Amino acid sequence: MQISKRERNILIVAGIVAAAFLVTSVVPALQGYYQRRNQAIDDIRLQIEREQRLFDETSTWRTRRAEVENGEAGLESQVFSGATLPIIEANIQRVLTQQARDSQVSVTSTRLAERLDTDGWVMVRQEMSFRTNDAANTIRFLRSLDASTPRLWVTDFSLDRSRNQYSGSITVVGFAKSEGLMVAEGRAR
């Protein structure tokens, strides 16, 4: 079968139209598919790198977690506890006078404890006057406060000597969590 010149021209024009259709429709679709595929591959590579980095840092994070938990336990041992604020104040005063007695320091007076409640914590400030015959007892007293558990921090200290006796005053603070404490009226704080 022979194709006439006119039919051949029609077929060429149809081929050109089909090629133009392919270039304007199919090629952009293929390019979009290719770009989406490359983007998906890049995303998967990033996820793999992230997972690998997390896997590699697992031991570091476990070590940090253990350090934080140990630090938290250490801090918990330095904080006073009790059901009410007066009990906490009494505990602080008891620890202070016991440390003084153990160091052979005589307590002459104690002031009423002051407290400051802020951001879930209570700071109790306790002042005490004392007397001793030996300056070494005062040093022993300060060292025992430094090593006390729960911890008492010295914020003010004065010492005077008259003849063979030393007298002075000390102010310490102790801390407690205010969460769950009951105030004197019996309401939750």
N, C-alpha and C. Protein backbone atom coordinates (compact mmCIF):
# COMPACT_ATOMS: atom_id res chain seq x y z
N MET A 1 0.83 -1.15 0.00
CA MET A 1 0.00 0.00 0.00
C MET A 1 0.89 1.23 0.00
N GLN A 2 0.55 2.10 -0.82
CA GLN A 2 1.30 3.33 -1.03
C GLN A 2 0.61 4.48 -0.31
N ILE A 3 1.44 5.31 0.30
CA ILE A 3 0.89 6.48 0.99
C ILE A 3 1.12 7.67 0.07
N SER A 4 0.07 8.41 -0.05
CA SER A 4 0.18 9.58 -0.91
C SER A 4 0.94 10.68 -0.17
N LYS A 5 1.35 11.65 -0.95
CA LYS A 5 2.12 12.74 -0.39
C LYS A 5 1.28 13.51 0.63
N ARG A 6 0.05 13.65 0.34
CA ARG A 6 -0.85 14.37 1.24
C ARG A 6 -1.01 13.59 2.55
N GLU A 7 -1.19 12.29 2.49
CA GLU A 7 -1.34 11.46 3.70
C GLU A 7 -0.04 11.47 4.51
N ARG A 8 1.08 11.43 3.78
CA ARG A 8 2.35 11.47 4.48
C ARG A 8 2.52 12.80 5.22
N ASN A 9 2.13 13.89 4.63
CA ASN A 9 2.20 15.21 5.28
C ASN A 9 1.27 15.25 6.52
N ILE A 10 0.10 14.63 6.38
CA ILE A 10 -0.84 14.57 7.52
C ILE A 10 -0.21 13.76 8.65
N LEU A 11 0.43 12.63 8.30
CA LEU A 11 1.08 11.81 9.32
C LEU A 11 2.24 12.56 9.98
N ILE A 12 2.99 13.33 9.23
CA ILE A 12 4.10 14.11 9.79
C ILE A 12 3.56 15.17 10.74
N VAL A 13 2.51 15.85 10.33
CA VAL A 13 1.90 16.88 11.20
C VAL A 13 1.34 16.22 12.46
N ALA A 14 0.71 15.04 12.31
CA ALA A 14 0.18 14.32 13.48
C ALA A 14 1.33 13.92 14.40
N GLY A 15 2.45 13.50 13.84
CA GLY A 15 3.62 13.15 14.64
C GLY A 15 4.17 14.36 15.38
N ILE A 16 4.19 15.50 14.70
CA ILE A 16 4.68 16.73 15.33
C ILE A 16 3.75 17.15 16.47
N VAL A 17 2.43 17.04 16.23
CA VAL A 17 1.45 17.38 17.29
C VAL A 17 1.60 16.43 18.47
N ALA A 18 1.79 15.13 18.20
CA ALA A 18 1.98 14.15 19.27
C ALA A 18 3.26 14.44 20.03
N ALA A 19 4.33 14.79 19.32
CA ALA A 19 5.60 15.12 19.97
C ALA A 19 5.44 16.38 20.82
N ALA A 20 4.72 17.37 20.31
CA ALA A 20 4.48 18.60 21.07
C ALA A 20 3.66 18.28 22.33
N PHE A 21 2.66 17.40 22.18
CA PHE A 21 1.84 16.98 23.33
C PHE A 21 2.72 16.30 24.38
N LEU A 22 3.59 15.40 23.93
CA LEU A 22 4.48 14.70 24.85
C LEU A 22 5.40 15.68 25.57
N VAL A 23 5.96 16.61 24.81
CA VAL A 23 6.89 17.57 25.40
C VAL A 23 6.18 18.46 26.41
N THR A 24 4.97 18.89 26.12
CA THR A 24 4.27 19.82 27.01
C THR A 24 3.52 19.14 28.15
N SER A 25 3.19 17.87 28.05
CA SER A 25 2.40 17.19 29.08
C SER A 25 3.17 16.11 29.82
N VAL A 26 3.73 15.21 29.10
CA VAL A 26 4.33 14.04 29.71
C VAL A 26 5.69 14.37 30.34
N VAL A 27 6.51 15.15 29.67
CA VAL A 27 7.84 15.45 30.19
C VAL A 27 7.76 16.19 31.53
N PRO A 28 6.91 17.24 31.70
CA PRO A 28 6.81 17.88 33.03
C PRO A 28 6.31 16.91 34.11
N ALA A 29 5.40 16.02 33.73
CA ALA A 29 4.92 15.03 34.70
C ALA A 29 6.05 14.12 35.13
N LEU A 30 6.88 13.69 34.19
CA LEU A 30 8.02 12.85 34.52
C LEU A 30 9.04 13.60 35.37
N GLN A 31 9.26 14.88 35.04
CA GLN A 31 10.18 15.67 35.85
C GLN A 31 9.67 15.83 37.29
N GLY A 32 8.37 16.08 37.45
CA GLY A 32 7.78 16.19 38.79
C GLY A 32 7.93 14.90 39.56
N TYR A 33 7.68 13.78 38.90
CA TYR A 33 7.84 12.48 39.54
C TYR A 33 9.29 12.28 39.97
N TYR A 34 10.21 12.63 39.12
CA TYR A 34 11.63 12.48 39.40
C TYR A 34 12.04 13.35 40.60
N GLN A 35 11.55 14.60 40.63
CA GLN A 35 11.88 15.49 41.75
C GLN A 35 11.29 14.98 43.07
N ARG A 36 10.03 14.50 43.04
CA ARG A 36 9.41 13.96 44.25
C ARG A 36 10.17 12.73 44.74
N ARG A 37 10.60 11.91 43.80
CA ARG A 37 11.36 10.72 44.15
C ARG A 37 12.69 11.11 44.80
N ASN A 38 13.40 12.08 44.23
CA ASN A 38 14.66 12.55 44.80
C ASN A 38 14.45 13.17 46.19
N GLN A 39 13.35 13.92 46.34
CA GLN A 39 13.04 14.52 47.64
C GLN A 39 12.77 13.44 48.68
N ALA A 40 12.02 12.41 48.29
CA ALA A 40 11.73 11.30 49.21
C ALA A 40 13.02 10.57 49.59
N ILE A 41 13.91 10.39 48.64
CA ILE A 41 15.20 9.74 48.93
C ILE A 41 16.01 10.59 49.90
N ASP A 42 16.05 11.91 49.68
CA ASP A 42 16.77 12.81 50.59
C ASP A 42 16.17 12.78 51.99
N ASP A 43 14.83 12.78 52.08
CA ASP A 43 14.16 12.71 53.38
C ASP A 43 14.51 11.41 54.11
N ILE A 44 14.51 10.32 53.39
CA ILE A 44 14.85 9.03 54.00
C ILE A 44 16.30 9.02 54.47
N ARG A 45 17.20 9.61 53.68
CA ARG A 45 18.60 9.69 54.10
C ARG A 45 18.75 10.52 55.37
N LEU A 46 18.02 11.65 55.45
CA LEU A 46 18.07 12.47 56.65
C LEU A 46 17.54 11.71 57.87
N GLN A 47 16.46 10.98 57.68
CA GLN A 47 15.89 10.19 58.78
C GLN A 47 16.87 9.10 59.22
N ILE A 48 17.53 8.48 58.26
CA ILE A 48 18.51 7.45 58.60
C ILE A 48 19.67 8.07 59.38
N GLU A 49 20.16 9.23 58.93
CA GLU A 49 21.25 9.90 59.64
C GLU A 49 20.82 10.29 61.05
N ARG A 50 19.60 10.81 61.20
CA ARG A 50 19.08 11.20 62.51
C ARG A 50 18.97 9.98 63.43
N GLU A 51 18.42 8.90 62.92
CA GLU A 51 18.29 7.68 63.72
C GLU A 51 19.67 7.13 64.10
N GLN A 52 20.61 7.19 63.17
CA GLN A 52 21.96 6.71 63.46
C GLN A 52 22.61 7.57 64.54
N ARG A 53 22.43 8.89 64.44
CA ARG A 53 22.98 9.81 65.44
C ARG A 53 22.35 9.54 66.82
N LEU A 54 21.04 9.34 66.85
CA LEU A 54 20.37 9.02 68.11
C LEU A 54 20.87 7.70 68.68
N PHE A 55 21.04 6.73 67.81
CA PHE A 55 21.56 5.43 68.25
C PHE A 55 22.96 5.59 68.83
N ASP A 56 23.80 6.38 68.14
CA ASP A 56 25.17 6.59 68.60
C ASP A 56 25.21 7.35 69.94
N GLU A 57 24.24 8.24 70.17
CA GLU A 57 24.22 9.06 71.39
C GLU A 57 23.45 8.41 72.53
N THR A 58 22.95 7.21 72.34
CA THR A 58 22.16 6.54 73.37
C THR A 58 22.94 6.39 74.67
N SER A 59 24.17 5.97 74.58
CA SER A 59 24.96 5.78 75.81
C SER A 59 25.21 7.11 76.50
N THR A 60 25.43 8.16 75.72
CA THR A 60 25.64 9.48 76.31
C THR A 60 24.39 9.92 77.07
N TRP A 61 23.22 9.73 76.45
CA TRP A 61 21.97 10.14 77.11
C TRP A 61 21.68 9.28 78.33
N ARG A 62 22.02 8.01 78.29
CA ARG A 62 21.83 7.16 79.47
C ARG A 62 22.73 7.62 80.61
N THR A 63 23.97 7.97 80.27
CA THR A 63 24.89 8.46 81.29
C THR A 63 24.37 9.76 81.89
N ARG A 64 23.90 10.66 81.04
CA ARG A 64 23.36 11.93 81.54
C ARG A 64 22.14 11.70 82.41
N ARG A 65 21.29 10.80 82.01
CA ARG A 65 20.09 10.50 82.80
C ARG A 65 20.48 9.97 84.18
N ALA A 66 21.45 9.05 84.21
CA ALA A 66 21.91 8.51 85.49
C ALA A 66 22.49 9.62 86.37
N GLU A 67 23.26 10.53 85.77
CA GLU A 67 23.83 11.65 86.52
C GLU A 67 22.73 12.53 87.10
N VAL A 68 21.72 12.83 86.29
CA VAL A 68 20.61 13.66 86.76
C VAL A 68 19.85 12.97 87.88
N GLU A 69 19.59 11.68 87.73
CA GLU A 69 18.87 10.95 88.78
C GLU A 69 19.69 10.90 90.07
N ASN A 70 21.00 10.71 89.95
CA ASN A 70 21.85 10.73 91.14
C ASN A 70 21.88 12.11 91.78
N GLY A 71 21.95 13.14 90.93
CA GLY A 71 21.93 14.51 91.43
C GLY A 71 20.61 14.83 92.12
N GLU A 72 19.53 14.34 91.55
CA GLU A 72 18.21 14.56 92.14
C GLU A 72 18.12 13.88 93.50
N ALA A 73 18.64 12.67 93.59
CA ALA A 73 18.63 11.96 94.88
C ALA A 73 19.49 12.71 95.90
N GLY A 74 20.61 13.24 95.45
CA GLY A 74 21.46 14.03 96.34
C GLY A 74 20.77 15.28 96.82
N LEU A 75 20.05 15.95 95.93
CA LEU A 75 19.32 17.15 96.33
C LEU A 75 18.17 16.81 97.26
N GLU A 76 17.50 15.70 97.00
CA GLU A 76 16.39 15.29 97.87
C GLU A 76 16.87 15.08 99.30
N SER A 77 18.09 14.57 99.46
CA SER A 77 18.61 14.34 100.81
C SER A 77 18.97 15.65 101.51
N GLN A 78 19.07 16.75 100.78
CA GLN A 78 19.41 18.04 101.37
C GLN A 78 18.19 18.88 101.70
N VAL A 79 17.00 18.37 101.37
CA VAL A 79 15.77 19.12 101.54
C VAL A 79 15.01 18.56 102.74
N PHE A 80 14.48 19.46 103.56
CA PHE A 80 13.68 19.04 104.71
C PHE A 80 12.30 18.61 104.25
N SER A 81 11.68 17.73 105.01
CA SER A 81 10.33 17.28 104.67
C SER A 81 9.48 17.26 105.93
N GLY A 82 8.20 17.34 105.72
CA GLY A 82 7.24 17.32 106.81
C GLY A 82 5.86 17.58 106.25
N ALA A 83 4.84 17.30 107.04
CA ALA A 83 3.47 17.46 106.56
C ALA A 83 3.02 18.91 106.60
N THR A 84 3.57 19.69 107.53
CA THR A 84 3.16 21.10 107.66
C THR A 84 4.40 21.97 107.79
N LEU A 85 4.21 23.26 107.57
CA LEU A 85 5.32 24.20 107.71
C LEU A 85 5.85 24.27 109.14
N PRO A 86 5.00 24.27 110.17
CA PRO A 86 5.55 24.26 111.53
C PRO A 86 6.41 23.02 111.82
N ILE A 87 6.06 21.89 111.25
CA ILE A 87 6.89 20.69 111.45
C ILE A 87 8.24 20.87 110.78
N ILE A 88 8.26 21.44 109.60
CA ILE A 88 9.53 21.69 108.91
C ILE A 88 10.38 22.68 109.71
N GLU A 89 9.74 23.75 110.20
CA GLU A 89 10.46 24.73 111.02
C GLU A 89 11.03 24.07 112.26
N ALA A 90 10.25 23.21 112.90
CA ALA A 90 10.72 22.50 114.10
C ALA A 90 11.87 21.56 113.76
N ASN A 91 11.80 20.90 112.61
CA ASN A 91 12.90 20.01 112.19
C ASN A 91 14.19 20.79 111.98
N ILE A 92 14.08 21.96 111.37
CA ILE A 92 15.27 22.79 111.14
C ILE A 92 15.86 23.23 112.48
N GLN A 93 15.00 23.67 113.39
CA GLN A 93 15.48 24.09 114.71
C GLN A 93 16.08 22.91 115.47
N ARG A 94 15.49 21.73 115.35
CA ARG A 94 16.01 20.54 116.02
C ARG A 94 17.40 20.18 115.49
N VAL A 95 17.56 20.18 114.16
CA VAL A 95 18.87 19.86 113.57
C VAL A 95 19.91 20.88 114.01
N LEU A 96 19.54 22.16 114.01
CA LEU A 96 20.47 23.22 114.41
C LEU A 96 20.91 23.06 115.86
N THR A 97 19.97 22.85 116.77
CA THR A 97 20.33 22.71 118.18
C THR A 97 21.07 21.40 118.44
N GLN A 98 20.73 20.33 117.72
CA GLN A 98 21.43 19.06 117.90
C GLN A 98 22.89 19.17 117.45
N GLN A 99 23.11 19.84 116.31
CA GLN A 99 24.49 20.04 115.84
C GLN A 99 25.28 20.88 116.84
N ALA A 100 24.63 21.88 117.44
CA ALA A 100 25.30 22.71 118.44
C ALA A 100 25.65 21.86 119.66
N ARG A 101 24.71 21.07 120.15
CA ARG A 101 24.95 20.22 121.32
C ARG A 101 26.09 19.24 121.05
N ASP A 102 26.06 18.60 119.87
CA ASP A 102 27.09 17.63 119.52
C ASP A 102 28.48 18.27 119.43
N SER A 103 28.52 19.56 119.16
CA SER A 103 29.80 20.28 119.04
C SER A 103 30.19 20.97 120.34
N GLN A 104 29.45 20.72 121.41
CA GLN A 104 29.68 21.33 122.73
C GLN A 104 29.54 22.84 122.70
N VAL A 105 28.52 23.28 121.97
CA VAL A 105 28.16 24.69 121.91
C VAL A 105 26.82 24.82 122.61
N SER A 106 26.72 25.76 123.56
CA SER A 106 25.48 25.95 124.32
C SER A 106 24.56 26.93 123.60
N VAL A 107 23.33 26.54 123.40
CA VAL A 107 22.34 27.41 122.77
C VAL A 107 21.77 28.32 123.85
N THR A 108 21.87 29.64 123.64
CA THR A 108 21.33 30.58 124.62
C THR A 108 19.94 31.06 124.24
N SER A 109 19.66 31.18 122.95
CA SER A 109 18.32 31.57 122.52
C SER A 109 18.14 31.26 121.04
N THR A 110 16.89 31.11 120.67
CA THR A 110 16.54 30.95 119.25
C THR A 110 15.39 31.89 118.95
N ARG A 111 15.42 32.45 117.79
CA ARG A 111 14.33 33.32 117.36
C ARG A 111 13.29 32.50 116.63
N LEU A 112 12.14 33.09 116.48
CA LEU A 112 11.07 32.46 115.72
C LEU A 112 11.51 32.35 114.26
N ALA A 113 11.28 31.21 113.66
CA ALA A 113 11.72 30.98 112.28
C ALA A 113 10.93 31.87 111.32
N GLU A 114 11.61 32.34 110.30
CA GLU A 114 10.96 33.12 109.24
C GLU A 114 10.93 32.25 108.00
N ARG A 115 9.90 32.41 107.19
CA ARG A 115 9.82 31.58 105.99
C ARG A 115 9.47 32.44 104.78
N LEU A 116 9.93 31.96 103.64
CA LEU A 116 9.65 32.59 102.36
C LEU A 116 9.21 31.49 101.42
N ASP A 117 8.02 31.64 100.86
CA ASP A 117 7.45 30.62 99.98
C ASP A 117 7.41 31.18 98.56
N THR A 118 8.10 30.52 97.62
CA THR A 118 8.10 30.99 96.24
C THR A 118 8.40 29.85 95.28
N ASP A 119 7.73 29.83 94.17
CA ASP A 119 7.97 28.88 93.08
C ASP A 119 8.03 27.42 93.52
N GLY A 120 7.13 27.03 94.42
CA GLY A 120 7.07 25.64 94.83
C GLY A 120 8.07 25.25 95.90
N TRP A 121 8.80 26.23 96.44
CA TRP A 121 9.80 25.96 97.47
C TRP A 121 9.55 26.86 98.67
N VAL A 122 9.93 26.37 99.84
CA VAL A 122 9.87 27.15 101.07
C VAL A 122 11.29 27.25 101.61
N MET A 123 11.71 28.48 101.90
CA MET A 123 13.00 28.71 102.55
C MET A 123 12.70 29.13 103.99
N VAL A 124 13.24 28.39 104.94
CA VAL A 124 13.04 28.70 106.35
C VAL A 124 14.35 29.23 106.91
N ARG A 125 14.25 30.42 107.51
CA ARG A 125 15.43 31.09 108.07
C ARG A 125 15.34 31.00 109.59
N GLN A 126 16.39 30.48 110.21
CA GLN A 126 16.41 30.29 111.67
C GLN A 126 17.65 30.96 112.25
N GLU A 127 17.45 31.78 113.27
CA GLU A 127 18.57 32.45 113.94
C GLU A 127 18.72 31.89 115.35
N MET A 128 19.96 31.73 115.77
CA MET A 128 20.25 31.16 117.08
C MET A 128 21.45 31.88 117.69
N SER A 129 21.37 32.14 118.99
CA SER A 129 22.51 32.69 119.74
C SER A 129 23.14 31.54 120.52
N PHE A 130 24.46 31.60 120.67
CA PHE A 130 25.16 30.49 121.32
C PHE A 130 26.34 31.00 122.13
N ARG A 131 26.90 30.07 122.91
CA ARG A 131 28.07 30.38 123.73
C ARG A 131 28.90 29.11 123.86
N THR A 132 30.23 29.29 123.96
CA THR A 132 31.14 28.16 124.16
C THR A 132 32.42 28.64 124.83
N ASN A 133 33.13 27.71 125.43
CA ASN A 133 34.39 28.06 126.10
C ASN A 133 35.61 27.86 125.19
N ASP A 134 35.42 27.18 124.06
CA ASP A 134 36.55 26.85 123.19
C ASP A 134 36.20 27.24 121.75
N ALA A 135 37.08 27.99 121.12
CA ALA A 135 36.85 28.41 119.73
C ALA A 135 36.80 27.22 118.79
N ALA A 136 37.49 26.15 119.12
CA ALA A 136 37.48 24.95 118.27
C ALA A 136 36.09 24.33 118.21
N ASN A 137 35.31 24.50 119.28
CA ASN A 137 33.93 24.01 119.26
C ASN A 137 33.10 24.72 118.19
N THR A 138 33.37 26.01 118.02
CA THR A 138 32.66 26.78 117.00
C THR A 138 33.00 26.27 115.61
N ILE A 139 34.28 25.99 115.38
CA ILE A 139 34.70 25.45 114.08
C ILE A 139 34.05 24.09 113.85
N ARG A 140 34.03 23.26 114.88
CA ARG A 140 33.41 21.94 114.78
C ARG A 140 31.91 22.08 114.48
N PHE A 141 31.28 23.06 115.12
CA PHE A 141 29.86 23.33 114.89
C PHE A 141 29.60 23.73 113.43
N LEU A 142 30.41 24.63 112.91
CA LEU A 142 30.24 25.07 111.51
C LEU A 142 30.48 23.91 110.54
N ARG A 143 31.46 23.09 110.81
CA ARG A 143 31.72 21.94 109.94
C ARG A 143 30.57 20.94 109.99
N SER A 144 30.01 20.74 111.18
CA SER A 144 28.88 19.80 111.27
C SER A 144 27.66 20.33 110.53
N LEU A 145 27.46 21.64 110.53
CA LEU A 145 26.36 22.23 109.75
C LEU A 145 26.61 22.05 108.26
N ASP A 146 27.86 22.19 107.86
CA ASP A 146 28.20 22.03 106.45
C ASP A 146 27.95 20.61 105.97
N ALA A 147 28.10 19.64 106.87
CA ALA A 147 27.92 18.23 106.50
C ALA A 147 26.53 17.70 106.88
N SER A 148 25.66 18.57 107.38
CA SER A 148 24.36 18.09 107.87
C SER A 148 23.48 17.58 106.73
N THR A 149 22.64 16.60 107.09
CA THR A 149 21.66 16.07 106.15
C THR A 149 20.35 15.96 106.89
N PRO A 150 19.31 16.60 106.47
CA PRO A 150 19.19 17.58 105.39
C PRO A 150 20.10 18.79 105.66
N ARG A 151 20.41 19.49 104.63
CA ARG A 151 21.44 20.52 104.65
C ARG A 151 20.92 21.84 105.21
N LEU A 152 21.73 22.43 106.07
CA LEU A 152 21.50 23.79 106.55
C LEU A 152 22.62 24.67 106.01
N TRP A 153 22.26 25.78 105.39
CA TRP A 153 23.24 26.71 104.84
C TRP A 153 23.37 27.90 105.79
N VAL A 154 24.59 28.25 106.13
CA VAL A 154 24.86 29.39 107.00
C VAL A 154 24.81 30.65 106.15
N THR A 155 23.95 31.61 106.57
CA THR A 155 23.86 32.87 105.83
C THR A 155 24.45 34.03 106.60
N ASP A 156 24.55 33.90 107.92
CA ASP A 156 25.11 34.97 108.73
C ASP A 156 25.75 34.35 109.97
N PHE A 157 26.88 34.91 110.36
CA PHE A 157 27.60 34.36 111.51
C PHE A 157 28.38 35.48 112.18
N SER A 158 28.31 35.53 113.50
CA SER A 158 29.13 36.49 114.25
C SER A 158 29.65 35.80 115.50
N LEU A 159 30.83 36.21 115.94
CA LEU A 159 31.46 35.60 117.11
C LEU A 159 32.23 36.69 117.86
N ASP A 160 32.00 36.76 119.17
CA ASP A 160 32.69 37.73 120.04
C ASP A 160 33.35 36.97 121.18
N ARG A 161 34.45 37.54 121.66
CA ARG A 161 35.17 36.91 122.78
C ARG A 161 35.15 37.88 123.96
N SER A 162 34.81 37.34 125.11
CA SER A 162 34.90 38.12 126.34
C SER A 162 35.51 37.21 127.40
N ARG A 163 36.68 37.57 127.84
CA ARG A 163 37.49 36.78 128.79
C ARG A 163 37.74 35.39 128.24
N ASN A 164 37.24 34.37 128.89
CA ASN A 164 37.50 33.00 128.44
C ASN A 164 36.27 32.36 127.79
N GLN A 165 35.36 33.19 127.30
CA GLN A 165 34.14 32.65 126.72
C GLN A 165 33.87 33.31 125.36
N TYR A 166 33.36 32.50 124.44
CA TYR A 166 32.98 32.98 123.12
C TYR A 166 31.46 32.97 123.02
N SER A 167 30.91 34.05 122.50
CA SER A 167 29.46 34.09 122.28
C SER A 167 29.24 34.62 120.87
N GLY A 168 28.15 34.18 120.29
CA GLY A 168 27.87 34.61 118.93
C GLY A 168 26.47 34.28 118.51
N SER A 169 26.22 34.56 117.25
CA SER A 169 24.91 34.21 116.68
C SER A 169 25.14 33.66 115.28
N ILE A 170 24.21 32.84 114.88
CA ILE A 170 24.29 32.21 113.57
C ILE A 170 22.90 32.21 112.96
N THR A 171 22.84 32.44 111.67
CA THR A 171 21.58 32.35 110.93
C THR A 171 21.77 31.30 109.85
N VAL A 172 20.85 30.36 109.81
CA VAL A 172 20.90 29.30 108.80
C VAL A 172 19.59 29.29 108.04
N VAL A 173 19.64 28.72 106.83
CA VAL A 173 18.42 28.50 106.06
C VAL A 173 18.36 27.04 105.66
N GLY A 174 17.14 26.55 105.61
CA GLY A 174 16.87 25.20 105.13
C GLY A 174 15.75 25.29 104.11
N PHE A 175 15.67 24.32 103.24
CA PHE A 175 14.68 24.36 102.16
C PHE A 175 13.77 23.14 102.22
N ALA A 176 12.55 23.34 101.73
CA ALA A 176 11.57 22.26 101.62
C ALA A 176 10.70 22.54 100.41
N LYS A 177 10.17 21.49 99.83
CA LYS A 177 9.22 21.67 98.73
C LYS A 177 7.88 22.03 99.34
N SER A 178 7.23 23.05 98.78
CA SER A 178 5.93 23.46 99.32
C SER A 178 4.78 22.64 98.74
N GLU A 179 5.05 21.86 97.72
CA GLU A 179 4.02 21.02 97.11
C GLU A 179 3.55 19.98 98.12
N GLY A 180 2.26 19.96 98.37
CA GLY A 180 1.69 18.96 99.26
C GLY A 180 1.74 19.34 100.73
N LEU A 181 2.34 20.49 101.07
CA LEU A 181 2.38 20.90 102.47
C LEU A 181 1.02 21.40 102.91
N MET A 182 0.72 21.16 104.14
CA MET A 182 -0.50 21.68 104.74
C MET A 182 -0.11 22.87 105.59
N VAL A 183 -0.88 23.96 105.47
CA VAL A 183 -0.63 25.12 106.34
C VAL A 183 -1.35 24.89 107.65
N ALA A 184 -1.09 25.74 108.63
CA ALA A 184 -1.61 25.53 109.98
C ALA A 184 -3.13 25.42 110.02
N GLU A 185 -3.83 26.13 109.12
CA GLU A 185 -5.29 26.08 109.12
C GLU A 185 -5.82 24.78 108.54
N GLY A 186 -4.98 23.97 107.96
CA GLY A 186 -5.41 22.67 107.44
C GLY A 186 -5.76 22.68 105.97
N ARG A 187 -5.49 23.79 105.25
CA ARG A 187 -5.77 23.79 103.82
C ARG A 187 -4.53 23.36 103.06
N ALA A 188 -4.75 22.80 101.88
CA ALA A 188 -3.62 22.41 101.03
C ALA A 188 -2.99 23.66 100.47
N ARG A 189 -1.69 23.69 100.44
CA ARG A 189 -1.00 24.88 99.93
C ARG A 189 -0.66 24.71 98.49
